[in-house]
Amino acid sequence: MKKQIILCAVTFFIAAASSAQTNEMLVKNDIQKDRFNESEIKNSIHHDKKELRKIESKNVSYLSKAQFKLDFGNIPVDAWERVNNFDEATFIKDGEVTSAFYDDRSQLVGTTTEKTFSDLPHKAQEWINKKYKGYSIADVFFFDDNEFNESDMLVYNTPFNGKDSYFVEVKKDNKAVILRVDKDGEVSYFLRLK
């Protein structure tokens, strides 16, 4: 009889321990699912806010204008406009036409400055003249990335999250190609314009 009571007690404790472990695993799984869902919800909210700003406003954000003053001081702005979900300020800096781009949080993404072919590193000039002989140089600009902002810039309507770079548009007949040139003069294909 004692053996039966002990056997029943052991069986009861084993069943209770097994049930507790199963419940603990279920709770852990629920917590992981909740964290995953919370992350998805945050991403969805960020995306929705971005889309809402795109739909809601074609106007430049007051916050972007205020941030511009903090970033560049009292440089006069020739024009503000909203382009591809960025607030763009165009101004003259050091005698060059420059544009500053601000994201949906009114943080500087980067600047572009109009350049000439002769502003490119000599190595890049030689390579382009050799590989794209017969092409004309249409536009050259320098993109200076704000390394403290993770937002990607749109260059020729294409996301770009790379380093500071020159972009060169070369044309021949009805073909136009955009080349990217890094500060060391290395040239790479960026995209073809249609």
Protein backbone atom coordinates (compact mmCIF):
# COMPACT_ATOMS: atom_id res chain seq x y z
CA MET A 1 0.00 0.00 0.00
CA LYS A 2 2.83 2.33 0.87
CA LYS A 3 4.41 1.60 -2.50
CA GLN A 4 1.17 2.47 -4.28
CA ILE A 5 0.87 5.77 -2.42
CA ILE A 6 4.51 6.64 -3.18
CA LEU A 7 4.04 5.61 -6.83
CA CYS A 8 0.92 7.79 -7.10
CA ALA A 9 2.74 10.72 -5.48
CA VAL A 10 5.72 10.35 -7.83
CA THR A 11 3.40 10.12 -10.83
CA PHE A 12 1.54 13.22 -9.64
CA PHE A 13 4.79 15.23 -9.21
CA ILE A 14 6.10 14.14 -12.64
CA ALA A 15 2.83 15.16 -14.28
CA ALA A 16 2.84 18.51 -12.44
CA ALA A 17 6.47 19.23 -13.42
CA SER A 18 5.79 18.30 -17.04
CA SER A 19 2.74 20.53 -17.11
CA ALA A 20 4.71 23.42 -15.60
CA GLN A 21 7.45 23.08 -18.25
CA THR A 22 4.86 22.98 -21.03
CA ASN A 23 3.17 26.10 -19.64
CA GLU A 24 6.53 27.86 -19.32
CA MET A 25 7.36 27.05 -22.97
CA LEU A 26 3.96 28.31 -24.08
CA VAL A 27 4.47 31.59 -22.19
CA LYS A 28 7.95 32.04 -23.72
CA ASN A 29 6.55 31.40 -27.21
CA ASP A 30 3.78 33.94 -26.59
CA ILE A 31 6.34 36.52 -25.45
CA GLN A 32 8.45 35.96 -28.59
CA LYS A 33 5.36 36.27 -30.80
CA ASP A 34 4.36 39.48 -29.01
CA ARG A 35 7.84 40.98 -29.54
CA PHE A 36 7.75 40.03 -33.23
CA ASN A 37 4.26 41.51 -33.60
CA GLU A 38 5.33 44.68 -31.77
CA SER A 39 8.27 45.07 -34.18
CA GLU A 40 5.98 44.57 -37.18
CA ILE A 41 3.52 47.12 -35.80
CA LYS A 42 6.30 49.70 -35.28
CA ASN A 43 7.54 49.17 -38.85
CA SER A 44 4.01 49.45 -40.17
CA ILE A 45 3.38 52.68 -38.24
CA HIS A 46 6.63 54.20 -39.54
CA HIS A 47 5.73 53.21 -43.10
CA ASP A 48 2.17 54.55 -42.71
CA LYS A 49 3.44 57.87 -41.33
CA LYS A 50 5.79 58.18 -44.28
CA GLU A 51 2.98 57.43 -46.73
CA LEU A 52 0.64 59.84 -44.95
CA ARG A 53 3.22 62.61 -45.15
CA LYS A 54 3.61 61.89 -48.87
CA ILE A 55 -0.14 62.10 -49.45
CA GLU A 56 -0.85 64.90 -46.98
CA SER A 57 1.74 67.41 -47.87
CA LYS A 58 3.33 68.83 -50.90
CA ASN A 59 4.58 71.62 -48.67
CA VAL A 60 8.01 71.83 -47.13
CA SER A 61 8.07 71.13 -43.41
CA TYR A 62 8.68 74.06 -41.08
CA LEU A 63 10.94 71.72 -39.08
CA SER A 64 13.15 71.15 -42.14
CA LYS A 65 13.54 74.91 -42.57
CA ALA A 66 14.45 75.28 -38.91
CA GLN A 67 16.93 72.39 -39.12
CA PHE A 68 18.50 73.97 -42.23
CA LYS A 69 19.30 77.09 -40.19
CA LEU A 70 20.94 74.93 -37.54
CA ASP A 71 22.92 73.00 -40.18
CA PHE A 72 23.99 75.91 -42.44
CA GLY A 73 23.41 79.12 -40.49
CA ASN A 74 21.89 82.15 -42.18
CA ILE A 75 22.72 81.22 -45.77
CA PRO A 76 19.93 82.58 -47.98
CA VAL A 77 17.85 79.84 -49.63
CA ASP A 78 16.96 80.44 -53.28
CA ALA A 79 14.16 77.85 -53.29
CA TRP A 80 12.47 75.26 -51.11
CA GLU A 81 10.50 72.43 -52.65
CA ARG A 82 9.18 68.98 -51.82
CA VAL A 83 10.70 66.35 -54.13
CA ASN A 84 10.42 62.54 -53.83
CA ASN A 85 9.48 62.71 -50.13
CA PHE A 86 12.41 65.00 -49.35
CA ASP A 87 12.40 68.67 -48.46
CA GLU A 88 14.99 70.28 -50.74
CA ALA A 89 16.67 73.63 -50.13
CA THR A 90 18.66 75.11 -53.03
CA PHE A 91 21.24 77.75 -52.18
CA ILE A 92 24.67 79.09 -53.10
CA LYS A 93 27.54 77.94 -50.90
CA ASP A 94 31.14 78.89 -51.64
CA GLY A 95 30.03 80.10 -55.08
CA GLU A 96 28.48 76.73 -56.04
CA VAL A 97 24.83 75.76 -56.45
CA THR A 98 24.06 73.34 -53.63
CA SER A 99 20.93 71.48 -52.56
CA ALA A 100 20.31 70.08 -49.08
CA PHE A 101 17.85 67.21 -48.66
CA TYR A 102 15.84 66.55 -45.49
CA ASP A 103 13.95 63.32 -44.71
CA ASP A 104 10.48 62.85 -43.20
CA ARG A 105 11.97 63.52 -39.73
CA SER A 106 13.47 66.83 -40.94
CA GLN A 107 17.00 65.45 -40.63
CA LEU A 108 19.68 66.19 -43.21
CA VAL A 109 20.23 63.23 -45.55
CA GLY A 110 22.93 64.90 -47.60
CA THR A 111 23.78 67.63 -50.07
CA THR A 112 24.42 67.77 -53.78
CA THR A 113 26.67 70.34 -55.38
CA GLU A 114 26.91 71.08 -59.09
CA LYS A 115 30.39 70.31 -60.41
CA THR A 116 32.23 70.17 -63.73
CA PHE A 117 34.09 67.31 -65.37
CA SER A 118 37.39 68.95 -64.41
CA ASP A 119 36.39 68.71 -60.72
CA LEU A 120 36.60 64.90 -60.91
CA PRO A 121 39.78 63.16 -59.77
CA HIS A 122 42.25 63.01 -62.69
CA LYS A 123 42.19 59.20 -62.68
CA ALA A 124 38.41 59.23 -63.25
CA GLN A 125 38.64 61.79 -66.03
CA GLU A 126 41.14 59.63 -67.91
CA TRP A 127 39.07 56.45 -67.45
CA ILE A 128 35.81 58.11 -68.61
CA ASN A 129 37.52 59.71 -71.62
CA LYS A 130 38.90 56.30 -72.61
CA LYS A 131 35.83 54.10 -71.96
CA TYR A 132 33.19 56.60 -73.09
CA LYS A 133 34.99 58.10 -76.06
CA GLY A 134 32.51 59.94 -78.26
CA TYR A 135 30.09 60.57 -75.37
CA SER A 136 29.38 64.10 -74.16
CA ILE A 137 29.32 65.05 -70.50
CA ALA A 138 25.84 66.27 -69.57
CA ASP A 139 25.79 66.78 -65.80
CA VAL A 140 28.22 66.33 -62.95
CA PHE A 141 27.39 66.71 -59.27
CA PHE A 142 28.87 65.70 -55.96
CA PHE A 143 26.75 63.98 -53.31
CA ASP A 144 27.94 64.53 -49.73
CA ASP A 145 26.22 61.99 -47.47
CA ASN A 146 25.29 62.80 -43.88
CA GLU A 147 26.85 59.77 -42.22
CA PHE A 148 24.77 60.35 -39.07
CA ASN A 149 21.49 59.72 -40.90
CA GLU A 150 20.56 56.19 -42.04
CA SER A 151 18.02 57.39 -44.64
CA ASP A 152 18.83 56.55 -48.24
CA MET A 153 19.05 59.33 -50.79
CA LEU A 154 17.37 59.08 -54.17
CA VAL A 155 19.81 59.73 -56.99
CA TYR A 156 18.10 59.74 -60.38
CA ASN A 157 15.08 58.24 -58.55
CA THR A 158 17.23 55.31 -57.43
CA PRO A 159 17.96 54.65 -53.73
CA PHE A 160 21.59 55.30 -52.89
CA ASN A 161 23.11 54.73 -49.46
CA GLY A 162 26.75 54.82 -50.37
CA LYS A 163 29.69 57.04 -49.60
CA ASP A 164 30.29 60.58 -50.78
CA SER A 165 30.46 60.36 -54.57
CA TYR A 166 30.44 62.24 -57.82
CA PHE A 167 27.75 61.35 -60.35
CA VAL A 168 28.46 61.90 -64.03
CA GLU A 169 25.87 61.74 -66.81
CA VAL A 170 27.38 60.81 -70.18
CA LYS A 171 25.33 60.91 -73.39
CA LYS A 172 25.65 59.63 -76.92
CA ASP A 173 22.84 59.68 -79.48
CA ASN A 174 19.75 58.76 -77.44
CA LYS A 175 21.68 56.85 -74.75
CA ALA A 176 22.46 58.31 -71.33
CA VAL A 177 24.47 56.53 -68.63
CA ILE A 178 25.09 57.62 -65.06
CA LEU A 179 28.51 56.82 -63.63
CA ARG A 180 29.49 56.98 -59.97
CA VAL A 181 32.97 58.20 -59.09
CA ASP A 182 34.37 57.86 -55.57
CA LYS A 183 36.85 60.32 -54.04
CA ASP A 184 39.76 58.09 -55.07
CA GLY A 185 38.74 58.30 -58.72
CA GLU A 186 37.32 54.79 -59.03
CA VAL A 187 34.50 54.77 -61.58
CA SER A 188 31.52 52.41 -61.53
CA TYR A 189 28.32 52.10 -63.52
CA PHE A 190 25.32 53.46 -61.61
CA LEU A 191 22.38 53.24 -64.04
CA ARG A 192 21.16 53.83 -67.56
CA LEU A 193 18.59 56.53 -68.25
CA LYS A 194 15.80 55.76 -70.69
